[in-house]
Protein backbone atom coordinates (compact mmCIF):
# COMPACT_ATOMS: atom_id res chain seq x y z
CA MET A 1 -14.96 -40.13 -56.39
CA SER A 2 -12.45 -40.09 -59.22
CA ALA A 3 -9.38 -37.92 -59.27
CA VAL A 4 -9.38 -35.05 -61.75
CA ARG A 5 -6.49 -35.16 -64.12
CA GLU A 6 -4.99 -31.72 -64.88
CA GLU A 7 -2.29 -32.70 -67.32
CA LEU A 8 -2.80 -34.07 -70.79
CA PRO A 9 -1.54 -37.59 -71.45
CA ALA A 10 2.14 -37.50 -72.52
CA GLY A 11 2.71 -37.73 -76.27
CA ARG A 12 -0.97 -37.76 -77.11
CA TYR A 13 -1.40 -34.23 -78.47
CA GLY A 14 2.10 -33.37 -79.80
CA ARG A 15 4.66 -31.05 -78.29
CA SER A 16 3.71 -28.24 -76.02
CA ALA A 17 4.35 -24.62 -77.01
CA ASP A 18 7.19 -24.42 -74.47
CA GLN A 19 9.00 -27.35 -76.06
CA ARG A 20 8.68 -25.80 -79.54
CA ALA A 21 10.00 -22.47 -78.25
CA ASP A 22 12.94 -24.21 -76.54
CA ARG A 23 13.81 -26.00 -79.78
CA LYS A 24 13.71 -22.72 -81.76
CA LEU A 25 15.95 -21.02 -79.22
CA LYS A 26 18.44 -23.89 -79.38
CA VAL A 27 18.57 -23.72 -83.19
CA ILE A 28 18.96 -19.93 -83.18
CA GLY A 29 21.68 -20.16 -80.53
CA ALA A 30 23.57 -22.79 -82.53
CA VAL A 31 23.41 -20.73 -85.74
CA LEU A 32 24.54 -17.54 -83.98
CA GLY A 33 27.33 -19.45 -82.19
CA ALA A 34 28.58 -20.91 -85.48
CA ALA A 35 28.48 -17.45 -87.11
CA LEU A 36 30.45 -15.95 -84.21
CA ILE A 37 33.10 -18.68 -84.48
CA GLY A 38 33.31 -18.06 -88.24
CA VAL A 39 33.85 -14.33 -87.73
CA ILE A 40 36.54 -14.94 -85.10
CA VAL A 41 38.37 -17.39 -87.41
CA TRP A 42 38.13 -14.96 -90.35
CA PHE A 43 39.61 -12.10 -88.30
CA GLY A 44 42.38 -14.38 -87.04
CA VAL A 45 43.36 -15.55 -90.52
CA HIS A 46 43.17 -12.00 -91.87
CA HIS A 47 45.39 -10.70 -89.06
CA ILE A 48 48.01 -13.42 -89.58
CA THR A 49 48.15 -13.17 -93.36
CA SER A 50 47.85 -9.41 -93.82
CA SER A 51 50.93 -7.32 -94.30
CA ASP A 52 51.60 -3.95 -92.71
CA VAL A 53 52.96 -2.76 -96.07
CA THR A 54 51.18 -2.60 -99.39
CA GLY A 55 53.08 -1.65 -102.49
CA GLU A 56 52.17 -1.03 -106.08
CA LEU A 57 54.28 -0.56 -109.19
CA ILE A 58 52.95 2.66 -110.73
CA ARG A 59 55.13 2.75 -113.85
CA SER A 60 58.46 1.65 -115.19
CA LYS A 61 60.84 3.01 -117.79
CA ILE A 62 63.66 1.32 -119.68
CA VAL A 63 66.52 3.83 -119.48
CA SER A 64 69.25 1.94 -121.32
CA ASP A 65 70.60 -1.56 -122.02
CA ASP A 66 71.86 -1.76 -118.43
CA SER A 67 69.37 0.32 -116.46
CA THR A 68 65.65 0.41 -115.66
CA GLN A 69 63.60 2.70 -113.45
CA ALA A 70 60.43 1.89 -111.53
CA VAL A 71 58.10 4.12 -109.53
CA LEU A 72 56.62 2.48 -106.42
CA GLU A 73 53.75 3.66 -104.27
CA LEU A 74 53.71 2.33 -100.70
CA ARG A 75 51.36 2.43 -97.73
CA LYS A 76 52.78 1.43 -94.36
CA ASP A 77 52.71 2.18 -90.66
CA ARG A 78 54.56 5.40 -89.83
CA ASP A 79 57.04 3.65 -87.55
CA ALA A 80 57.66 0.64 -89.81
CA THR A 81 60.54 0.05 -92.18
CA ALA A 82 59.47 -1.34 -95.54
CA VAL A 83 61.63 -3.61 -97.69
CA CYS A 84 60.40 -4.00 -101.27
CA THR A 85 61.89 -6.21 -103.97
CA VAL A 86 61.73 -5.06 -107.57
CA ARG A 87 63.04 -7.01 -110.55
CA ALA A 88 63.64 -6.27 -114.21
CA LEU A 89 62.63 -8.77 -116.88
CA ASP A 90 63.77 -9.19 -120.47
CA LYS A 91 61.56 -10.00 -123.47
CA ASP A 92 61.53 -13.71 -122.51
CA GLN A 93 60.46 -12.88 -118.92
CA VAL A 94 63.91 -13.84 -117.62
CA GLU A 95 65.16 -11.81 -114.67
CA VAL A 96 67.99 -9.49 -115.69
CA GLY A 97 68.09 -7.31 -112.58
CA ARG A 98 66.85 -7.27 -108.99
CA LYS A 99 66.95 -4.71 -106.22
CA ASP A 100 65.80 -4.67 -102.59
CA VAL A 101 64.77 -1.19 -101.53
CA THR A 102 64.63 -0.26 -97.83
CA LEU A 103 62.29 2.60 -96.99
CA ASN A 104 62.29 3.89 -93.43
CA GLU A 105 60.74 7.32 -93.91
CA ARG A 106 58.27 8.23 -91.18
CA GLU A 107 55.39 8.55 -93.60
CA SER A 108 52.39 6.30 -94.05
CA HIS A 109 52.05 6.92 -97.79
CA LEU A 110 54.99 7.53 -100.08
CA THR A 111 56.10 7.31 -103.69
CA THR A 112 59.68 6.47 -104.60
CA LEU A 113 61.81 6.04 -107.71
CA VAL A 114 63.89 2.84 -107.87
CA LYS A 115 66.83 2.49 -110.26
CA ILE A 116 67.73 -1.08 -111.20
CA ARG A 117 70.98 -2.07 -112.89
CA THR A 118 70.48 -4.84 -115.41
CA THR A 119 72.71 -7.42 -117.09
CA ALA A 120 70.80 -7.13 -120.39
CA ARG A 121 68.12 -4.89 -121.86
CA ALA A 122 64.94 -5.15 -119.84
CA THR A 123 61.46 -4.84 -121.27
CA ALA A 124 59.50 -4.72 -118.00
CA ALA A 125 59.81 -4.20 -114.28
CA GLU A 126 57.90 -6.14 -111.64
CA LEU A 127 57.26 -5.57 -107.95
CA VAL A 128 57.93 -8.94 -106.33
CA GLY A 129 56.61 -7.89 -102.93
CA CYS A 130 56.97 -5.76 -99.83
CA LYS A 131 57.33 -6.65 -96.16
CA SER A 132 57.79 -4.60 -93.03
CA THR A 133 59.89 -4.65 -89.93
CA THR A 134 59.00 -2.50 -86.95
CA ASN A 135 61.65 -0.08 -85.79
CA GLY A 136 62.56 -0.65 -82.18
């Protein structure tokens, strides 16, 4: 009597359904894993490069040959001290005045007027940037 074979010969009829399903799961797992790593990296870079203070120059006014005013709007943490640098520029975009403004009000959103003394008549004011230090 001959033995009855229950399995198909290996490689003769292609992959089994289980092997195809395993391959799909591996591909899906790899794609989801790569996406998760990408999201983690993005959050890490965003956290490192983001500032606790955002500032915007709302308007500026040339008061005289030796004075300029700028209005800044800031958003910051309530317990942070913001330091913003504003500069005045002449018609050739040369800096004629600079001022560092320290704002330690316990507000998260504030507007402030900055007066800048200049060495020559300014034609524009520019917000260079803002940074924060946490009060301890």
